[in-house]
Structure formats: C-alpha cells, structure tokens
PDB file of all heavy atoms in Angstrom:
ATOM      1  N   GLY A   1       0.435   2.014   5.177  1.00  0.00           N
ATOM      2  CA  GLY A   1       0.749   3.268   5.849  1.00  0.00           C
ATOM      3  C   GLY A   1       1.179   3.014   7.279  1.00  0.00           C
ATOM      4  O   GLY A   1       0.966   1.938   7.834  1.00  0.00           O
ATOM      5  N   PRO A   2       1.788   4.006   7.923  1.00  0.00           N
ATOM      6  CA  PRO A   2       2.309   3.813   9.289  1.00  0.00           C
ATOM      7  C   PRO A   2       1.226   3.578  10.330  1.00  0.00           C
ATOM      8  O   PRO A   2       1.520   3.101  11.418  1.00  0.00           O
ATOM      9  CB  PRO A   2       3.072   5.103   9.561  1.00  0.00           C
ATOM     10  CG  PRO A   2       2.519   6.104   8.624  1.00  0.00           C
ATOM     11  CD  PRO A   2       2.108   5.346   7.404  1.00  0.00           C
ATOM     12  N   ASP A   3      -0.037   3.882  10.002  1.00  0.00           N
ATOM     13  CA  ASP A   3      -1.141   3.632  10.938  1.00  0.00           C
ATOM     14  C   ASP A   3      -1.916   2.367  10.585  1.00  0.00           C
ATOM     15  O   ASP A   3      -2.949   2.094  11.188  1.00  0.00           O
ATOM     16  CB  ASP A   3      -2.095   4.819  10.956  1.00  0.00           C
ATOM     17  CG  ASP A   3      -2.763   5.046   9.601  1.00  0.00           C
ATOM     18  OD1 ASP A   3      -2.179   4.625   8.575  1.00  0.00           O
ATOM     19  OD2 ASP A   3      -3.866   5.626   9.566  1.00  0.00           O
ATOM     20  N   GLY A   4      -1.401   1.584   9.619  1.00  0.00           N
ATOM     21  CA  GLY A   4      -2.088   0.360   9.221  1.00  0.00           C
ATOM     22  C   GLY A   4      -3.064   0.530   8.079  1.00  0.00           C
ATOM     23  O   GLY A   4      -3.712  -0.424   7.663  1.00  0.00           O
ATOM     24  N   THR A   5      -3.178   1.750   7.550  1.00  0.00           N
ATOM     25  CA  THR A   5      -4.047   1.994   6.397  1.00  0.00           C
ATOM     26  C   THR A   5      -3.434   1.406   5.136  1.00  0.00           C
ATOM     27  O   THR A   5      -2.221   1.418   4.959  1.00  0.00           O
ATOM     28  CB  THR A   5      -4.265   3.506   6.203  1.00  0.00           C
ATOM     29  OG1 THR A   5      -4.955   4.027   7.330  1.00  0.00           O
ATOM     30  CG2 THR A   5      -5.065   3.807   4.944  1.00  0.00           C
ATOM     31  N   CYS A   6      -4.289   0.909   4.252  1.00  0.00           N
ATOM     32  CA  CYS A   6      -3.843   0.413   2.955  1.00  0.00           C
ATOM     33  C   CYS A   6      -3.979   1.524   1.924  1.00  0.00           C
ATOM     34  O   CYS A   6      -5.061   2.085   1.736  1.00  0.00           O
ATOM     35  CB  CYS A   6      -4.693  -0.793   2.539  1.00  0.00           C
ATOM     36  SG  CYS A   6      -4.210  -1.511   0.947  1.00  0.00           S
ATOM     37  N   TYR A   7      -2.870   1.861   1.265  1.00  0.00           N
ATOM     38  CA  TYR A   7      -2.887   2.786   0.135  1.00  0.00           C
ATOM     39  C   TYR A   7      -2.786   1.972  -1.150  1.00  0.00           C
ATOM     40  O   TYR A   7      -2.018   0.999  -1.228  1.00  0.00           O
ATOM     41  CB  TYR A   7      -1.727   3.781   0.225  1.00  0.00           C
ATOM     42  CG  TYR A   7      -1.926   4.830   1.297  1.00  0.00           C
ATOM     43  CD1 TYR A   7      -1.621   4.564   2.625  1.00  0.00           C
ATOM     44  CD2 TYR A   7      -2.432   6.087   0.978  1.00  0.00           C
ATOM     45  CE1 TYR A   7      -1.810   5.523   3.617  1.00  0.00           C
ATOM     46  CE2 TYR A   7      -2.615   7.059   1.963  1.00  0.00           C
ATOM     47  CZ  TYR A   7      -2.305   6.764   3.264  1.00  0.00           C
ATOM     48  OH  TYR A   7      -2.503   7.724   4.235  1.00  0.00           O
ATOM     49  N   VAL A   8      -3.550   2.362  -2.155  1.00  0.00           N
ATOM     50  CA  VAL A   8      -3.642   1.607  -3.408  1.00  0.00           C
ATOM     51  C   VAL A   8      -3.044   2.461  -4.530  1.00  0.00           C
ATOM     52  O   VAL A   8      -3.607   3.502  -4.892  1.00  0.00           O
ATOM     53  CB  VAL A   8      -5.099   1.243  -3.730  1.00  0.00           C
ATOM     54  CG1 VAL A   8      -5.163   0.412  -5.007  1.00  0.00           C
ATOM     55  CG2 VAL A   8      -5.736   0.488  -2.569  1.00  0.00           C
ATOM     56  N   ALA A   9      -1.893   2.038  -5.062  1.00  0.00           N
ATOM     57  CA  ALA A   9      -1.220   2.774  -6.132  1.00  0.00           C
ATOM     58  C   ALA A   9      -1.379   2.018  -7.443  1.00  0.00           C
ATOM     59  O   ALA A   9      -1.284   0.778  -7.472  1.00  0.00           O
ATOM     60  CB  ALA A   9       0.268   2.938  -5.815  1.00  0.00           C
ATOM     61  N   HIS A  10      -1.604   2.743  -8.513  1.00  0.00           N
ATOM     62  CA  HIS A  10      -1.683   2.112  -9.832  1.00  0.00           C
ATOM     63  C   HIS A  10      -0.302   1.650 -10.267  1.00  0.00           C
ATOM     64  O   HIS A  10       0.684   2.389 -10.138  1.00  0.00           O
ATOM     65  CB  HIS A  10      -2.244   3.113 -10.855  1.00  0.00           C
ATOM     66  CG  HIS A  10      -2.367   2.572 -12.236  1.00  0.00           C
ATOM     67  ND1 HIS A  10      -1.710   3.111 -13.318  1.00  0.00           N
ATOM     68  CD2 HIS A  10      -3.058   1.501 -12.699  1.00  0.00           C
ATOM     69  CE1 HIS A  10      -2.012   2.415 -14.396  1.00  0.00           C
ATOM     70  NE2 HIS A  10      -2.815   1.436 -14.054  1.00  0.00           N
ATOM     71  N   TYR A  11      -0.204   0.424 -10.766  1.00  0.00           N
ATOM     72  CA  TYR A  11       1.067  -0.126 -11.254  1.00  0.00           C
ATOM     73  C   TYR A  11       1.444   0.598 -12.535  1.00  0.00           C
ATOM     74  O   TYR A  11       0.693   0.575 -13.528  1.00  0.00           O
ATOM     75  CB  TYR A  11       0.917  -1.624 -11.496  1.00  0.00           C
ATOM     76  CG  TYR A  11       2.166  -2.304 -11.995  1.00  0.00           C
ATOM     77  CD1 TYR A  11       3.051  -2.914 -11.111  1.00  0.00           C
ATOM     78  CD2 TYR A  11       2.464  -2.363 -13.362  1.00  0.00           C
ATOM     79  CE1 TYR A  11       4.197  -3.555 -11.567  1.00  0.00           C
ATOM     80  CE2 TYR A  11       3.607  -2.996 -13.827  1.00  0.00           C
ATOM     81  CZ  TYR A  11       4.470  -3.590 -12.920  1.00  0.00           C
ATOM     82  OH  TYR A  11       5.601  -4.221 -13.379  1.00  0.00           O
ATOM     83  N   LEU A  12       2.614   1.258 -12.530  1.00  0.00           N
ATOM     84  CA  LEU A  12       3.085   2.005 -13.694  1.00  0.00           C
ATOM     85  C   LEU A  12       3.882   1.090 -14.602  1.00  0.00           C
ATOM     86  O   LEU A  12       4.878   0.493 -14.170  1.00  0.00           O
ATOM     87  CB  LEU A  12       3.938   3.184 -13.237  1.00  0.00           C
ATOM     88  CG  LEU A  12       3.218   4.199 -12.349  1.00  0.00           C
ATOM     89  CD1 LEU A  12       4.204   5.235 -11.817  1.00  0.00           C
ATOM     90  CD2 LEU A  12       2.089   4.866 -13.105  1.00  0.00           C
ATOM     91  N   ALA A  13       3.463   0.974 -15.853  1.00  0.00           N
ATOM     92  CA  ALA A  13       4.097   0.026 -16.764  1.00  0.00           C
ATOM     93  C   ALA A  13       5.081   0.708 -17.713  1.00  0.00           C
ATOM     94  O   ALA A  13       6.273   0.425 -17.691  1.00  0.00           O
ATOM     95  CB  ALA A  13       3.032  -0.725 -17.563  1.00  0.00           C
ATOM     96  N   ARG A  14       4.596   1.614 -18.537  1.00  0.00           N
ATOM     97  CA  ARG A  14       5.436   2.221 -19.560  1.00  0.00           C
ATOM     98  C   ARG A  14       4.791   3.515 -20.035  1.00  0.00           C
ATOM     99  O   ARG A  14       3.637   3.807 -19.731  1.00  0.00           O
ATOM    100  CB  ARG A  14       5.613   1.260 -20.740  1.00  0.00           C
ATOM    101  CG  ARG A  14       4.288   0.835 -21.390  1.00  0.00           C
ATOM    102  CD  ARG A  14       4.501  -0.046 -22.590  1.00  0.00           C
ATOM    103  NE  ARG A  14       5.254   0.669 -23.606  1.00  0.00           N
ATOM    104  CZ  ARG A  14       5.827   0.060 -24.653  1.00  0.00           C
ATOM    105  NH1 ARG A  14       5.732  -1.250 -24.792  1.00  0.00           N
ATOM    106  NH2 ARG A  14       6.500   0.763 -25.542  1.00  0.00           N
ATOM    107  N   TYR A  15       5.568   4.303 -20.779  1.00  0.00           N
ATOM    108  CA  TYR A  15       5.038   5.513 -21.398  1.00  0.00           C
ATOM    109  C   TYR A  15       4.023   5.099 -22.483  1.00  0.00           C
ATOM    110  O   TYR A  15       4.329   4.262 -23.318  1.00  0.00           O
ATOM    111  CB  TYR A  15       6.188   6.290 -22.024  1.00  0.00           C
ATOM    112  CG  TYR A  15       5.767   7.567 -22.722  1.00  0.00           C
ATOM    113  CD1 TYR A  15       5.655   8.747 -22.013  1.00  0.00           C
ATOM    114  CD2 TYR A  15       5.497   7.577 -24.085  1.00  0.00           C
ATOM    115  CE1 TYR A  15       5.282   9.922 -22.641  1.00  0.00           C
ATOM    116  CE2 TYR A  15       5.118   8.746 -24.717  1.00  0.00           C
ATOM    117  CZ  TYR A  15       5.010   9.905 -23.999  1.00  0.00           C
ATOM    118  OH  TYR A  15       4.627  11.071 -24.608  1.00  0.00           O
ATOM    119  N   THR A  16       2.817   5.613 -22.476  1.00  0.00           N
ATOM    120  CA  THR A  16       2.178   6.503 -21.537  1.00  0.00           C
ATOM    121  C   THR A  16       1.395   5.690 -20.496  1.00  0.00           C
ATOM    122  O   THR A  16       1.009   4.559 -20.756  1.00  0.00           O
ATOM    123  CB  THR A  16       1.187   7.445 -22.240  1.00  0.00           C
ATOM    124  OG1 THR A  16       0.204   6.641 -22.924  1.00  0.00           O
ATOM    125  CG2 THR A  16       1.899   8.308 -23.274  1.00  0.00           C
ATOM    126  N   ASP A  17       1.128   6.345 -19.341  1.00  0.00           N
ATOM    127  CA  ASP A  17       0.372   5.688 -18.288  1.00  0.00           C
ATOM    128  C   ASP A  17      -0.172   6.769 -17.360  1.00  0.00           C
ATOM    129  O   ASP A  17       0.119   7.952 -17.546  1.00  0.00           O
ATOM    130  CB  ASP A  17       1.262   4.702 -17.520  1.00  0.00           C
ATOM    131  CG  ASP A  17       0.491   3.475 -17.028  1.00  0.00           C
ATOM    132  OD1 ASP A  17      -0.730   3.601 -16.805  1.00  0.00           O
ATOM    133  OD2 ASP A  17       1.119   2.416 -16.850  1.00  0.00           O
ATOM    134  N   PHE A  18      -0.952   6.357 -16.362  1.00  0.00           N
ATOM    135  CA  PHE A  18      -1.443   7.325 -15.381  1.00  0.00           C
ATOM    136  C   PHE A  18      -0.967   6.928 -13.997  1.00  0.00           C
ATOM    137  O   PHE A  18      -0.891   5.746 -13.657  1.00  0.00           O
ATOM    138  CB  PHE A  18      -2.971   7.441 -15.417  1.00  0.00           C
ATOM    139  CG  PHE A  18      -3.727   6.212 -14.977  1.00  0.00           C
ATOM    140  CD1 PHE A  18      -4.109   6.043 -13.650  1.00  0.00           C
ATOM    141  CD2 PHE A  18      -4.070   5.232 -15.894  1.00  0.00           C
ATOM    142  CE1 PHE A  18      -4.811   4.913 -13.234  1.00  0.00           C
ATOM    143  CE2 PHE A  18      -4.784   4.096 -15.492  1.00  0.00           C
ATOM    144  CZ  PHE A  18      -5.147   3.936 -14.172  1.00  0.00           C
ATOM    145  N   ASP A  19      -0.608   7.930 -13.208  1.00  0.00           N
ATOM    146  CA  ASP A  19      -0.119   7.725 -11.844  1.00  0.00           C
ATOM    147  C   ASP A  19      -1.254   8.044 -10.878  1.00  0.00           C
ATOM    148  O   ASP A  19      -1.938   9.065 -11.031  1.00  0.00           O
ATOM    149  CB  ASP A  19       1.074   8.645 -11.579  1.00  0.00           C
ATOM    150  CG  ASP A  19       1.921   8.185 -10.406  1.00  0.00           C
ATOM    151  OD1 ASP A  19       1.597   7.138  -9.810  1.00  0.00           O
ATOM    152  OD2 ASP A  19       2.913   8.869 -10.092  1.00  0.00           O
ATOM    153  N   SER A  20      -1.437   7.165  -9.901  1.00  0.00           N
ATOM    154  CA  SER A  20      -2.552   7.350  -8.972  1.00  0.00           C
ATOM    155  C   SER A  20      -2.251   6.650  -7.669  1.00  0.00           C
ATOM    156  O   SER A  20      -1.687   5.549  -7.660  1.00  0.00           O
ATOM    157  CB  SER A  20      -3.834   6.763  -9.595  1.00  0.00           C
ATOM    158  OG  SER A  20      -4.905   6.760  -8.678  1.00  0.00           O
ATOM    159  N   ILE A  21      -2.596   7.291  -6.556  1.00  0.00           N
ATOM    160  CA  ILE A  21      -2.550   6.615  -5.259  1.00  0.00           C
ATOM    161  C   ILE A  21      -3.777   7.052  -4.471  1.00  0.00           C
ATOM    162  O   ILE A  21      -4.124   8.233  -4.444  1.00  0.00           O
ATOM    163  CB  ILE A  21      -1.239   6.893  -4.493  1.00  0.00           C
ATOM    164  CG1 ILE A  21      -1.222   6.094  -3.181  1.00  0.00           C
ATOM    165  CG2 ILE A  21      -1.022   8.362  -4.240  1.00  0.00           C
ATOM    166  CD1 ILE A  21       0.147   5.995  -2.529  1.00  0.00           C
ATOM    167  N   GLN A  22      -4.449   6.064  -3.871  1.00  0.00           N
ATOM    168  CA  GLN A  22      -5.701   6.308  -3.166  1.00  0.00           C
ATOM    169  C   GLN A  22      -5.678   5.626  -1.806  1.00  0.00           C
ATOM    170  O   GLN A  22      -5.030   4.594  -1.621  1.00  0.00           O
ATOM    171  CB  GLN A  22      -6.878   5.801  -4.006  1.00  0.00           C
ATOM    172  CG  GLN A  22      -7.055   6.580  -5.301  1.00  0.00           C
ATOM    173  CD  GLN A  22      -8.035   5.930  -6.257  1.00  0.00           C
ATOM    174  OE1 GLN A  22      -7.716   4.955  -6.917  1.00  0.00           O
ATOM    175  NE2 GLN A  22      -9.241   6.486  -6.341  1.00  0.00           N
ATOM    176  N   LYS A  23      -6.383   6.214  -0.884  1.00  0.00           N
ATOM    177  CA  LYS A  23      -6.447   5.707   0.479  1.00  0.00           C
ATOM    178  C   LYS A  23      -7.639   4.765   0.596  1.00  0.00           C
ATOM    179  O   LYS A  23      -8.759   5.112   0.203  1.00  0.00           O
ATOM    180  CB  LYS A  23      -6.581   6.874   1.456  1.00  0.00           C
ATOM    181  CG  LYS A  23      -6.474   6.496   2.921  1.00  0.00           C
ATOM    182  CD  LYS A  23      -6.507   7.751   3.793  1.00  0.00           C
ATOM    183  CE  LYS A  23      -6.345   7.418   5.258  1.00  0.00           C
ATOM    184  NZ  LYS A  23      -6.368   8.638   6.104  1.00  0.00           N
ATOM    185  N   ALA A  24      -7.388   3.570   1.134  1.00  0.00           N
ATOM    186  CA  ALA A  24      -8.446   2.572   1.262  1.00  0.00           C
ATOM    187  C   ALA A  24      -8.662   2.238   2.736  1.00  0.00           C
ATOM    188  O   ALA A  24      -8.577   3.110   3.596  1.00  0.00           O
ATOM    189  CB  ALA A  24      -8.103   1.329   0.436  1.00  0.00           C
ATOM    190  N   GLY A  25      -8.920   0.956   3.039  1.00  0.00           N
ATOM    191  CA  GLY A  25      -9.207   0.553   4.406  1.00  0.00           C
ATOM    192  C   GLY A  25      -7.975   0.053   5.134  1.00  0.00           C
ATOM    193  O   GLY A  25      -6.881   0.594   4.986  1.00  0.00           O
ATOM    194  N   THR A  26      -8.140  -1.023   5.903  1.00  0.00           N
ATOM    195  CA  THR A  26      -7.041  -1.591   6.684  1.00  0.00           C
ATOM    196  C   THR A  26      -6.184  -2.487   5.807  1.00  0.00           C
ATOM    197  O   THR A  26      -6.690  -3.243   4.975  1.00  0.00           O
ATOM    198  CB  THR A  26      -7.602  -2.402   7.863  1.00  0.00           C
ATOM    199  OG1 THR A  26      -8.406  -1.535   8.671  1.00  0.00           O
ATOM    200  CG2 THR A  26      -6.477  -2.979   8.707  1.00  0.00           C
ATOM    201  N   TYR A  27      -4.849  -2.412   6.006  1.00  0.00           N
ATOM    202  CA  TYR A  27      -3.949  -3.252   5.215  1.00  0.00           C
ATOM    203  C   TYR A  27      -4.273  -4.723   5.471  1.00  0.00           C
ATOM    204  O   TYR A  27      -4.471  -5.132   6.613  1.00  0.00           O
ATOM    205  CB  TYR A  27      -2.495  -2.960   5.581  1.00  0.00           C
ATOM    206  CG  TYR A  27      -1.517  -3.496   4.559  1.00  0.00           C
ATOM    207  CD1 TYR A  27      -1.345  -2.845   3.342  1.00  0.00           C
ATOM    208  CD2 TYR A  27      -0.781  -4.650   4.797  1.00  0.00           C
ATOM    209  CE1 TYR A  27      -0.460  -3.319   2.395  1.00  0.00           C
ATOM    210  CE2 TYR A  27       0.102  -5.133   3.856  1.00  0.00           C
ATOM    211  CZ  TYR A  27       0.259  -4.469   2.651  1.00  0.00           C
ATOM    212  OH  TYR A  27       1.133  -4.948   1.716  1.00  0.00           O
ATOM    213  N   PRO A  28      -4.370  -5.545   4.404  1.00  0.00           N
ATOM    214  CA  PRO A  28      -4.801  -6.942   4.575  1.00  0.00           C
ATOM    215  C   PRO A  28      -3.810  -7.762   5.389  1.00  0.00           C
ATOM    216  O   PRO A  28      -2.610  -7.478   5.400  1.00  0.00           O
ATOM    217  CB  PRO A  28      -4.902  -7.459   3.138  1.00  0.00           C
ATOM    218  CG  PRO A  28      -4.020  -6.558   2.342  1.00  0.00           C
ATOM    219  CD  PRO A  28      -4.096  -5.211   2.999  1.00  0.00           C
ATOM    220  N   PRO A  29      -4.283  -8.786   6.071  1.00  0.00           N
ATOM    221  CA  PRO A  29      -3.424  -9.588   6.967  1.00  0.00           C
ATOM    222  C   PRO A  29      -2.601 -10.628   6.216  1.00  0.00           C
ATOM    223  O   PRO A  29      -2.652 -11.814   6.520  1.00  0.00           O
ATOM    224  CB  PRO A  29      -4.450 -10.249   7.901  1.00  0.00           C
ATOM    225  CG  PRO A  29      -5.654 -10.422   7.039  1.00  0.00           C
ATOM    226  CD  PRO A  29      -5.687  -9.220   6.123  1.00  0.00           C
ATOM    227  N   TRP A  30      -1.835 -10.152   5.232  1.00  0.00           N
ATOM    228  CA  TRP A  30      -1.007 -11.074   4.457  1.00  0.00           C
ATOM    229  C   TRP A  30       0.414 -11.155   4.997  1.00  0.00           C
ATOM    230  O   TRP A  30       1.239 -11.896   4.502  1.00  0.00           O
ATOM    231  CB  TRP A  30      -0.963 -10.630   2.994  1.00  0.00           C
ATOM    232  CG  TRP A  30      -2.274 -10.838   2.291  1.00  0.00           C
ATOM    233  CD1 TRP A  30      -3.229 -11.760   2.614  1.00  0.00           C
ATOM    234  CD2 TRP A  30      -2.771 -10.120   1.168  1.00  0.00           C
ATOM    235  NE1 TRP A  30      -4.287 -11.655   1.746  1.00  0.00           N
ATOM    236  CE2 TRP A  30      -4.037 -10.660   0.847  1.00  0.00           C
ATOM    237  CE3 TRP A  30      -2.264  -9.070   0.392  1.00  0.00           C
ATOM    238  CZ2 TRP A  30      -4.804 -10.194  -0.206  1.00  0.00           C
ATOM    239  CZ3 TRP A  30      -3.031  -8.609  -0.649  1.00  0.00           C
ATOM    240  CH2 TRP A  30      -4.280  -9.164  -0.951  1.00  0.00           C
ATOM    241  N   GLY A  31       0.714 -10.334   5.991  1.00  0.00           N
ATOM    242  CA  GLY A  31       2.036 -10.353   6.599  1.00  0.00           C
ATOM    243  C   GLY A  31       1.892  -9.990   8.057  1.00  0.00           C
ATOM    244  O   GLY A  31       0.813 -10.068   8.638  1.00  0.00           O
ATOM    245  N   VAL A  32       2.966  -9.604   8.681  1.00  0.00           N
ATOM    246  CA  VAL A  32       2.907  -9.148  10.064  1.00  0.00           C
ATOM    247  C   VAL A  32       2.058  -7.881  10.112  1.00  0.00           C
ATOM    248  O   VAL A  32       2.092  -7.052   9.198  1.00  0.00           O
ATOM    249  CB  VAL A  32       4.327  -8.862  10.586  1.00  0.00           C
ATOM    250  CG1 VAL A  32       4.287  -8.357  12.016  1.00  0.00           C
ATOM    251  CG2 VAL A  32       5.164 -10.136  10.495  1.00  0.00           C
ATOM    252  N   ALA A  33       1.261  -7.718  11.139  1.00  0.00           N
ATOM    253  CA  ALA A  33       0.390  -6.544  11.242  1.00  0.00           C
ATOM    254  C   ALA A  33       1.214  -5.260  11.188  1.00  0.00           C
ATOM    255  O   ALA A  33       2.274  -5.179  11.802  1.00  0.00           O
ATOM    256  CB  ALA A  33      -0.397  -6.598  12.543  1.00  0.00           C
ATOM    257  N   PRO A  34       0.763  -4.245  10.428  1.00  0.00           N
ATOM    258  CA  PRO A  34       1.511  -2.984  10.356  1.00  0.00           C
ATOM    259  C   PRO A  34       1.774  -2.413  11.749  1.00  0.00           C
ATOM    260  O   PRO A  34       0.915  -2.418  12.611  1.00  0.00           O
ATOM    261  CB  PRO A  34       0.566  -2.078   9.554  1.00  0.00           C
ATOM    262  CG  PRO A  34      -0.234  -3.029   8.732  1.00  0.00           C
ATOM    263  CD  PRO A  34      -0.422  -4.245   9.587  1.00  0.00           C
ATOM    264  N   GLY A  35       3.017  -1.947  11.937  1.00  0.00           N
ATOM    265  CA  GLY A  35       3.392  -1.355  13.218  1.00  0.00           C
ATOM    266  C   GLY A  35       4.104  -2.329  14.129  1.00  0.00           C
ATOM    267  O   GLY A  35       4.755  -1.926  15.082  1.00  0.00           O
ATOM    268  N   ASP A  36       4.002  -3.633  13.860  1.00  0.00           N
ATOM    269  CA  ASP A  36       4.662  -4.642  14.696  1.00  0.00           C
ATOM    270  C   ASP A  36       5.795  -5.280  13.903  1.00  0.00           C
ATOM    271  O   ASP A  36       5.611  -6.268  13.207  1.00  0.00           O
ATOM    272  CB  ASP A  36       3.667  -5.713  15.143  1.00  0.00           C
ATOM    273  CG  ASP A  36       2.563  -5.147  16.027  1.00  0.00           C
ATOM    274  OD1 ASP A  36       2.837  -4.158  16.723  1.00  0.00           O
ATOM    275  OD2 ASP A  36       1.454  -5.679  15.986  1.00  0.00           O
ATOM    276  N   GLY A  37       6.985  -4.710  14.012  1.00  0.00           N
ATOM    277  CA  GLY A  37       8.133  -5.277  13.309  1.00  0.00           C
ATOM    278  C   GLY A  37       8.154  -4.913  11.847  1.00  0.00           C
ATOM    279  O   GLY A  37       8.040  -5.769  10.980  1.00  0.00           O
ATOM    280  N   TRP A  38       8.303  -3.598  11.566  1.00  0.00           N
ATOM    281  CA  TRP A  38       8.270  -3.150  10.171  1.00  0.00           C
ATOM    282  C   TRP A  38       9.335  -3.818   9.317  1.00  0.00           C
ATOM    283  O   TRP A  38       9.126  -4.071   8.144  1.00  0.00           O
ATOM    284  CB  TRP A  38       8.462  -1.642  10.128  1.00  0.00           C
ATOM    285  CG  TRP A  38       7.195  -0.872  10.340  1.00  0.00           C
ATOM    286  CD1 TRP A  38       6.828  -0.190  11.463  1.00  0.00           C
ATOM    287  CD2 TRP A  38       6.115  -0.715   9.432  1.00  0.00           C
ATOM    288  NE1 TRP A  38       5.590   0.385  11.298  1.00  0.00           N
ATOM    289  CE2 TRP A  38       5.128   0.086  10.055  1.00  0.00           C
ATOM    290  CE3 TRP A  38       5.875  -1.179   8.131  1.00  0.00           C
ATOM    291  CZ2 TRP A  38       3.940   0.441   9.430  1.00  0.00           C
ATOM    292  CZ3 TRP A  38       4.685  -0.820   7.511  1.00  0.00           C
ATOM    293  CH2 TRP A  38       3.738  -0.031   8.148  1.00  0.00           C
ATOM    294  N   ASP A  39      10.495  -4.118   9.875  1.00  0.00           N
ATOM    295  CA  ASP A  39      11.560  -4.679   9.049  1.00  0.00           C
ATOM    296  C   ASP A  39      11.290  -6.113   8.634  1.00  0.00           C
ATOM    297  O   ASP A  39      11.903  -6.630   7.717  1.00  0.00           O
ATOM    298  CB  ASP A  39      12.904  -4.587   9.778  1.00  0.00           C
ATOM    299  CG  ASP A  39      13.405  -3.145   9.818  1.00  0.00           C
ATOM    300  OD1 ASP A  39      13.047  -2.377   8.910  1.00  0.00           O
ATOM    301  OD2 ASP A  39      14.138  -2.798  10.745  1.00  0.00           O
ATOM    302  N   GLU A  40      10.372  -6.795   9.322  1.00  0.00           N
ATOM    303  CA  GLU A  40      10.044  -8.168   8.956  1.00  0.00           C
ATOM    304  C   GLU A  40       8.762  -8.240   8.125  1.00  0.00           C
ATOM    305  O   GLU A  40       8.457  -9.267   7.538  1.00  0.00           O
ATOM    306  CB  GLU A  40       9.846  -9.023  10.212  1.00  0.00           C
ATOM    307  CG  GLU A  40      11.121  -9.260  11.017  1.00  0.00           C
ATOM    308  CD  GLU A  40      11.544  -8.035  11.814  1.00  0.00           C
ATOM    309  OE1 GLU A  40      10.665  -7.348  12.337  1.00  0.00           O
ATOM    310  OE2 GLU A  40      12.756  -7.765  11.868  1.00  0.00           O
TER     311      GLU A  40
END
C-alpha cells in the first residue's frame, strides 16, 4: 500500500475460486522500502 502496509490477496487460479484481500502489517523488506522510489 502507499503507506507501506502489506495487503494480502488470495491468488485466483480458475473457475471456481474465492476472491479476498486483507490488510496485514508492514510490507516485508524484500525490495526498496515502500514510498522510496516506487518505480524501482
């Protein structure tokens, strides 16, 4: 998210499935910190 929050969405595979998105904690440090250079 734009404030650094991690949103967790269910991976949609095929018909039938369930759609879900939930708000979690801070986005993990696997890339550049959210907010600092979004394009990279």
